[in-house]
């Protein structure tokens, strides 16, 4: 009886430790274009992220100011791995599936391509620096070089 309880208890402890491994992305973050290598987000773009996080979801509200125009959108990442439809920066809707990989979030964005019947996929990886004050978001799409956005946490 004790032999069967020990493995079950060990699995429960390991599952709890894995769930706690995800860093807390909550807070206000401002894009630092000097550190990011994303040419699509140059110095002319101001971007602020408001992030709330629960054990099952990460909700990111993007506030962008581009050429004097303000755009706001909200993206929800389901941390349980269930698919969610989210709006991309240009308004297209993608199915997103998020998984926790170590201390990073990896999200696959899948949407309809310009050619009928085809799909495009890109991968987004979100990670925090060891001190938790810098967040790096790396976007990788087919036939495109990786794009990196660096955000600094605000007090």
Protein backbone atom coordinates (compact mmCIF):
# COMPACT_ATOMS: atom_id res chain seq x y z
CA UNK A 1 0.00 0.00 0.00
CA UNK A 2 2.80 2.41 0.94
CA UNK A 3 4.68 1.49 -2.25
CA UNK A 4 1.76 2.62 -4.42
CA UNK A 5 1.28 5.89 -2.52
CA UNK A 6 4.92 7.03 -2.77
CA UNK A 7 5.03 7.16 -6.61
CA UNK A 8 1.66 8.96 -6.69
CA UNK A 9 2.86 11.49 -4.12
CA UNK A 10 6.12 11.98 -5.99
CA UNK A 11 4.24 12.60 -9.27
CA UNK A 12 1.98 15.14 -7.56
CA UNK A 13 4.98 16.98 -6.12
CA UNK A 14 6.77 17.00 -9.48
CA UNK A 15 3.65 18.29 -11.26
CA UNK A 16 3.32 21.07 -8.69
CA UNK A 17 6.98 22.02 -9.09
CA UNK A 18 6.63 22.11 -12.88
CA UNK A 19 3.56 24.36 -12.64
CA UNK A 20 5.46 26.75 -10.39
CA UNK A 21 8.45 26.91 -12.76
CA UNK A 22 6.73 29.47 -15.01
CA UNK A 23 7.91 32.98 -14.12
CA UNK A 24 5.42 35.72 -13.33
CA UNK A 25 5.03 37.91 -16.43
CA UNK A 26 2.50 40.19 -14.71
CA UNK A 27 3.00 43.93 -14.82
CA UNK A 28 3.50 46.85 -17.16
CA UNK A 29 6.14 46.45 -19.85
CA UNK A 30 7.48 49.03 -22.32
CA UNK A 31 9.14 48.17 -25.63
CA UNK A 32 12.83 49.08 -25.78
CA UNK A 33 13.56 49.31 -29.54
CA UNK A 34 17.26 49.91 -28.85
CA UNK A 35 17.56 46.35 -27.51
CA UNK A 36 15.15 44.56 -29.85
CA UNK A 37 16.10 43.48 -33.34
CA UNK A 38 12.61 43.64 -34.84
CA UNK A 39 12.75 46.03 -37.80
CA UNK A 40 8.95 46.16 -37.87
CA UNK A 41 8.99 47.80 -34.46
CA UNK A 42 11.41 50.67 -34.80
CA UNK A 43 11.92 53.77 -32.70
CA UNK A 44 8.79 55.31 -34.26
CA UNK A 45 6.63 52.75 -32.45
CA UNK A 46 5.75 53.09 -28.79
CA UNK A 47 4.33 49.93 -27.25
CA UNK A 48 3.17 49.22 -23.73
CA UNK A 49 1.97 45.82 -22.52
CA UNK A 50 -0.27 45.30 -19.50
CA UNK A 51 -0.02 41.65 -18.46
CA UNK A 52 -2.12 39.75 -15.96
CA UNK A 53 -1.41 36.13 -15.15
CA UNK A 54 -3.29 33.33 -13.44
CA UNK A 55 -2.32 29.65 -13.19
CA UNK A 56 -4.33 28.96 -16.38
CA UNK A 57 -4.03 32.14 -18.48
CA UNK A 58 -1.78 35.01 -19.46
CA UNK A 59 -3.68 38.07 -20.72
CA UNK A 60 -1.67 40.69 -22.62
CA UNK A 61 -3.20 44.05 -23.50
CA UNK A 62 -1.13 45.74 -26.23
CA UNK A 63 -1.25 49.53 -26.50
CA UNK A 64 0.67 50.72 -29.56
CA UNK A 65 1.20 54.21 -30.86
CA UNK A 66 2.31 54.14 -34.50
CA UNK A 67 2.61 57.38 -36.49
CA UNK A 68 0.35 59.13 -34.01
CA UNK A 69 -2.37 56.45 -34.16
CA UNK A 70 -3.24 54.43 -31.09
CA UNK A 71 -4.14 50.75 -31.41
CA UNK A 72 -5.26 48.51 -28.58
CA UNK A 73 -5.79 44.76 -28.62
CA UNK A 74 -5.89 41.97 -26.08
CA UNK A 75 -4.33 38.54 -26.52
CA UNK A 76 -5.16 35.61 -24.23
CA UNK A 77 -2.70 32.74 -23.86
CA UNK A 78 -4.27 29.58 -22.41
CA UNK A 79 -1.58 28.03 -20.19
CA UNK A 80 -3.36 24.66 -20.19
CA UNK A 81 -2.61 24.17 -23.90
CA UNK A 82 -6.15 24.65 -25.20
CA UNK A 83 -6.49 26.50 -28.51
CA UNK A 84 -7.62 30.16 -28.42
CA UNK A 85 -8.46 32.49 -31.31
CA UNK A 86 -6.48 35.73 -31.01
CA UNK A 87 -6.17 38.83 -33.14
CA UNK A 88 -2.76 39.61 -34.62
CA UNK A 89 -1.35 43.13 -34.83
CA UNK A 90 -2.78 43.68 -38.33
CA UNK A 91 -6.22 42.33 -37.45
CA UNK A 92 -5.99 38.77 -38.78
CA UNK A 93 -7.30 36.09 -36.47
CA UNK A 94 -5.04 33.17 -35.60
CA UNK A 95 -5.52 30.03 -33.59
CA UNK A 96 -2.94 30.06 -30.79
CA UNK A 97 -1.74 27.12 -28.75
CA UNK A 98 0.55 27.87 -25.82
CA UNK A 99 2.75 25.49 -23.89
CA UNK A 100 5.09 25.98 -20.98
CA UNK A 101 8.61 24.87 -21.91
CA UNK A 102 10.90 25.13 -18.91
CA UNK A 103 10.64 28.75 -17.77
CA UNK A 104 9.41 30.04 -21.15
CA UNK A 105 6.08 30.28 -22.91
CA UNK A 106 6.00 28.93 -26.45
CA UNK A 107 2.99 29.83 -28.57
CA UNK A 108 2.18 28.63 -32.07
CA UNK A 109 0.10 31.07 -34.15
CA UNK A 110 -1.71 29.46 -37.11
CA UNK A 111 -3.74 31.49 -39.61
CA UNK A 112 -4.98 31.41 -43.19
CA UNK A 113 -2.33 32.37 -45.74
CA UNK A 114 -2.85 34.79 -48.62
CA UNK A 115 -3.13 31.79 -50.94
CA UNK A 116 -6.48 30.01 -50.56
CA UNK A 117 -6.31 26.70 -48.76
CA UNK A 118 -2.89 27.34 -47.20
CA UNK A 119 -1.93 28.20 -43.65
CA UNK A 120 0.93 30.14 -42.12
CA UNK A 121 2.50 29.28 -38.80
CA UNK A 122 4.78 31.29 -36.58
CA UNK A 123 6.21 30.56 -33.17
CA UNK A 124 6.45 33.07 -30.36
CA UNK A 125 8.73 32.46 -27.38
CA UNK A 126 8.33 34.65 -24.29
CA UNK A 127 11.03 34.65 -21.59
CA UNK A 128 12.16 36.73 -18.62
CA UNK A 129 15.69 37.67 -17.66
CA UNK A 130 17.03 36.14 -14.46
CA UNK A 131 16.23 39.32 -12.51
CA UNK A 132 12.68 39.41 -13.98
CA UNK A 133 13.01 43.01 -15.22
CA UNK A 134 13.48 42.30 -18.95
CA UNK A 135 11.11 40.29 -21.13
CA UNK A 136 12.19 39.02 -24.52
CA UNK A 137 9.66 37.96 -27.15
CA UNK A 138 11.10 36.13 -30.15
CA UNK A 139 8.95 35.56 -33.25
CA UNK A 140 9.95 32.98 -35.86
CA UNK A 141 7.98 32.49 -39.06
CA UNK A 142 8.52 30.46 -42.18
CA UNK A 143 11.13 31.94 -44.52
CA UNK A 144 11.71 34.92 -42.20
CA UNK A 145 14.59 35.75 -39.88
CA UNK A 146 13.72 35.74 -36.17
CA UNK A 147 12.28 39.01 -34.87
CA UNK A 148 13.10 39.99 -31.31
CA UNK A 149 11.23 42.44 -29.12
CA UNK A 150 12.67 43.46 -25.77
CA UNK A 151 10.46 44.97 -23.06
CA UNK A 152 11.46 46.58 -19.78
CA UNK A 153 9.27 46.20 -16.71
CA UNK A 154 7.99 49.46 -15.28
CA UNK A 155 7.81 50.15 -11.55
